[in-house]
Protein backbone atom coordinates (compact mmCIF):
# COMPACT_ATOMS: atom_id res chain seq x y z
CA PRO A 1 107.81 4.51 145.90
CA TYR A 2 106.42 6.14 142.75
CA ASN A 3 102.56 5.65 142.54
CA PRO A 4 101.35 7.24 139.25
CA ARG A 5 97.97 6.76 140.10
CA GLN A 6 97.85 7.99 143.66
CA ILE A 7 99.34 11.31 142.23
CA ILE A 8 97.33 11.77 139.33
CA LEU A 9 94.20 11.37 141.59
CA SER A 10 95.56 13.75 143.98
CA ALA A 11 96.48 16.43 141.46
CA ALA A 12 93.14 15.82 139.75
CA LYS A 13 91.25 16.03 143.06
CA ASP A 14 93.28 19.47 144.20
CA TRP A 15 92.28 21.05 140.70
CA VAL A 16 88.75 20.45 141.26
CA ASN A 17 88.57 21.75 144.32
CA ALA A 18 90.40 24.86 143.35
CA SER A 19 88.31 25.45 140.53
CA LEU A 20 84.91 24.98 142.27
CA ALA A 21 85.98 27.02 145.11
CA THR A 22 85.38 30.33 143.36
CA GLY A 23 82.86 31.61 145.87
CA HIS A 24 83.34 34.57 148.08
CA ILE A 25 85.92 33.17 150.67
CA LEU A 26 88.38 32.28 148.12
CA ASP A 27 88.28 35.16 146.52
CA SER A 28 88.68 37.30 149.70
CA GLU A 29 91.72 35.04 150.64
CA ILE A 30 93.23 35.69 147.07
CA TRP A 31 92.37 39.83 147.43
CA GLY A 32 93.76 39.60 150.61
CA LEU A 33 97.07 38.01 149.62
CA TYR A 34 97.31 40.76 146.77
CA PHE A 35 96.51 43.91 149.06
CA GLY A 36 98.44 42.24 151.73
CA LEU A 37 101.66 42.27 149.50
CA LYS A 38 101.31 45.72 148.08
CA LEU A 39 100.72 46.75 151.53
CA ALA A 40 104.07 45.46 152.71
CA MET A 41 105.94 46.88 149.41
CA THR A 42 104.62 50.42 150.42
CA LYS A 43 105.96 49.98 154.01
CA GLY A 44 109.29 49.12 152.52
CA ILE A 45 109.31 45.50 154.16
CA THR A 46 112.04 43.04 152.20
CA CYS A 47 111.46 40.00 153.93
CA LEU A 48 108.00 38.74 154.75
CA ASN A 49 106.87 35.34 155.74
CA ILE A 50 103.29 34.91 155.01
CA GLU A 51 100.80 32.33 156.84
CA MET A 52 97.79 31.77 155.46
CA ASP A 53 94.98 28.97 156.73
CA ALA A 54 93.43 28.71 152.84
CA ALA A 55 95.40 25.72 151.71
CA VAL A 56 94.12 26.08 148.16
CA VAL A 57 95.40 29.54 148.02
CA VAL A 58 98.87 28.47 149.12
CA GLN A 59 98.50 25.71 146.40
CA LEU A 60 97.61 27.90 143.55
CA VAL A 61 100.21 30.31 144.12
CA LYS A 62 102.93 27.00 144.35
CA ASN A 63 101.54 25.68 141.07
CA ILE A 64 101.30 28.82 139.21
CA ASP A 65 102.19 27.40 135.96
CA ASP A 66 99.28 24.93 136.06
CA LEU A 67 96.72 27.53 136.60
CA ALA A 68 96.32 28.87 132.75
CA HIS A 69 92.59 28.34 132.84
CA HIS A 70 91.83 28.84 136.50
CA PRO A 71 89.34 31.86 137.12
CA PHE A 72 91.64 33.56 139.37
CA ALA A 73 95.01 32.65 137.28
CA PRO A 74 95.35 36.96 136.57
CA LEU A 75 94.90 37.71 140.18
CA ILE A 76 97.57 34.83 141.87
CA ASN A 77 99.83 35.86 138.75
CA ALA A 78 99.76 39.33 140.32
CA CYS A 79 100.46 37.94 143.75
CA CYS A 80 103.40 36.05 142.49
CA ALA A 81 104.78 39.04 140.94
CA LEU A 82 104.43 41.14 143.99
CA MET A 83 106.27 37.98 145.56
CA LYS A 84 109.47 38.51 143.84
CA HIS A 85 109.98 42.14 144.77
CA PHE A 86 110.82 41.10 148.23
CA ASP A 87 114.45 39.60 149.06
CA ILE A 88 112.68 36.90 150.68
CA CYS A 89 109.10 36.06 150.66
CA THR A 90 107.49 32.71 152.10
CA LEU A 91 104.03 31.59 151.85
CA LEU A 92 102.88 28.67 154.11
CA HIS A 93 99.82 27.26 155.11
CA ILE A 94 99.03 26.84 158.81
CA TYR A 95 95.68 25.90 160.35
CA ARG A 96 93.45 28.49 161.54
CA GLU A 97 93.46 27.54 165.02
CA GLY A 98 97.12 28.40 164.72
CA ASN A 99 96.60 31.95 164.45
CA SER A 100 93.22 32.67 166.03
CA VAL A 101 93.37 36.12 166.21
CA ALA A 102 94.11 36.55 162.14
CA ASN A 103 91.02 34.26 161.87
CA GLU A 104 88.65 36.29 163.98
CA LEU A 105 89.76 39.64 162.42
CA ALA A 106 89.14 38.20 159.04
CA ASN A 107 85.92 36.63 159.96
CA TRP A 108 84.99 40.18 161.80
CA SER A 109 85.98 41.92 158.48
CA TYR A 110 83.45 40.77 156.52
CA ASN A 111 81.23 43.12 157.93
CA LEU A 112 83.48 46.10 156.77
CA ASP A 113 83.60 47.98 153.59
CA LEU A 114 86.65 47.36 151.29
CA GLY A 115 89.63 49.20 152.68
CA ILE A 116 92.32 48.77 155.64
CA LEU A 117 91.63 49.46 159.00
CA TYR A 118 94.27 50.49 161.30
CA PHE A 119 94.14 49.38 165.07
CA ASP A 120 96.17 51.30 167.69
CA GLU A 121 95.66 48.73 170.01
CA ALA A 122 93.99 45.16 170.09
CA PRO A 123 90.25 45.30 170.50
CA GLY A 124 89.29 43.76 173.77
CA TRP A 125 87.00 41.30 172.01
CA ILE A 126 90.40 39.72 170.61
CA GLY A 127 92.26 39.86 173.76
CA SER A 128 91.75 36.28 174.88
CA LEU A 129 92.62 34.90 171.58
CA LEU A 130 95.57 36.91 171.48
CA ILE A 131 96.60 35.33 174.85
CA ASP A 132 96.15 31.95 173.52
CA ASP A 133 98.15 32.61 169.92
CA ILE A 134 101.06 34.04 172.14
CA THR A 135 101.04 31.06 174.51
CA GLY A 136 100.62 28.59 171.88
CA VAL A 137 97.44 27.09 173.48
CA ALA A 138 96.82 23.78 171.75
CA LYS A 139 93.16 23.89 170.22
CA ALA A 140 91.03 20.75 168.86
CA ARG A 141 90.55 20.36 165.15
CA LEU A 142 88.13 18.22 163.49
CA VAL A 143 89.64 16.16 160.20
CA CYS A 144 87.50 14.52 157.64
CA PRO A 145 89.47 11.49 156.72
CA VAL A 146 90.47 11.32 152.94
CA SER A 147 90.62 8.34 150.84
CA LEU A 148 91.81 7.95 147.48
């Protein structure tokens, strides 16, 4: 059933959360998407599936037409323009528990200078998470109930 009140409240809540989330983490997630897209282009990748645990970023990219005054609109527009250069490019939200290795590497990267770091092999400290991700080990997640 069509419920305008619920739709409006949900959209307003998402917009407020996205507008207020202008801190370091959102900034890093969007820049990570941008630089990842640039890297994929330079490597000649034509089909790209992107999985992010930053639901706000995924929503911002998917609702690009509603971002005229958002502080990250220019950067998000740049990401969208880059995504159009691929034959196939999908962007999906996944929970961080669904890709523990990427989450741990991202957290670890806050200690590094801006740039790209290549590994010849997985660092030893990531080994158990790599096995968990490959085998699909289920992990608990605390979820805060949302009321409208």
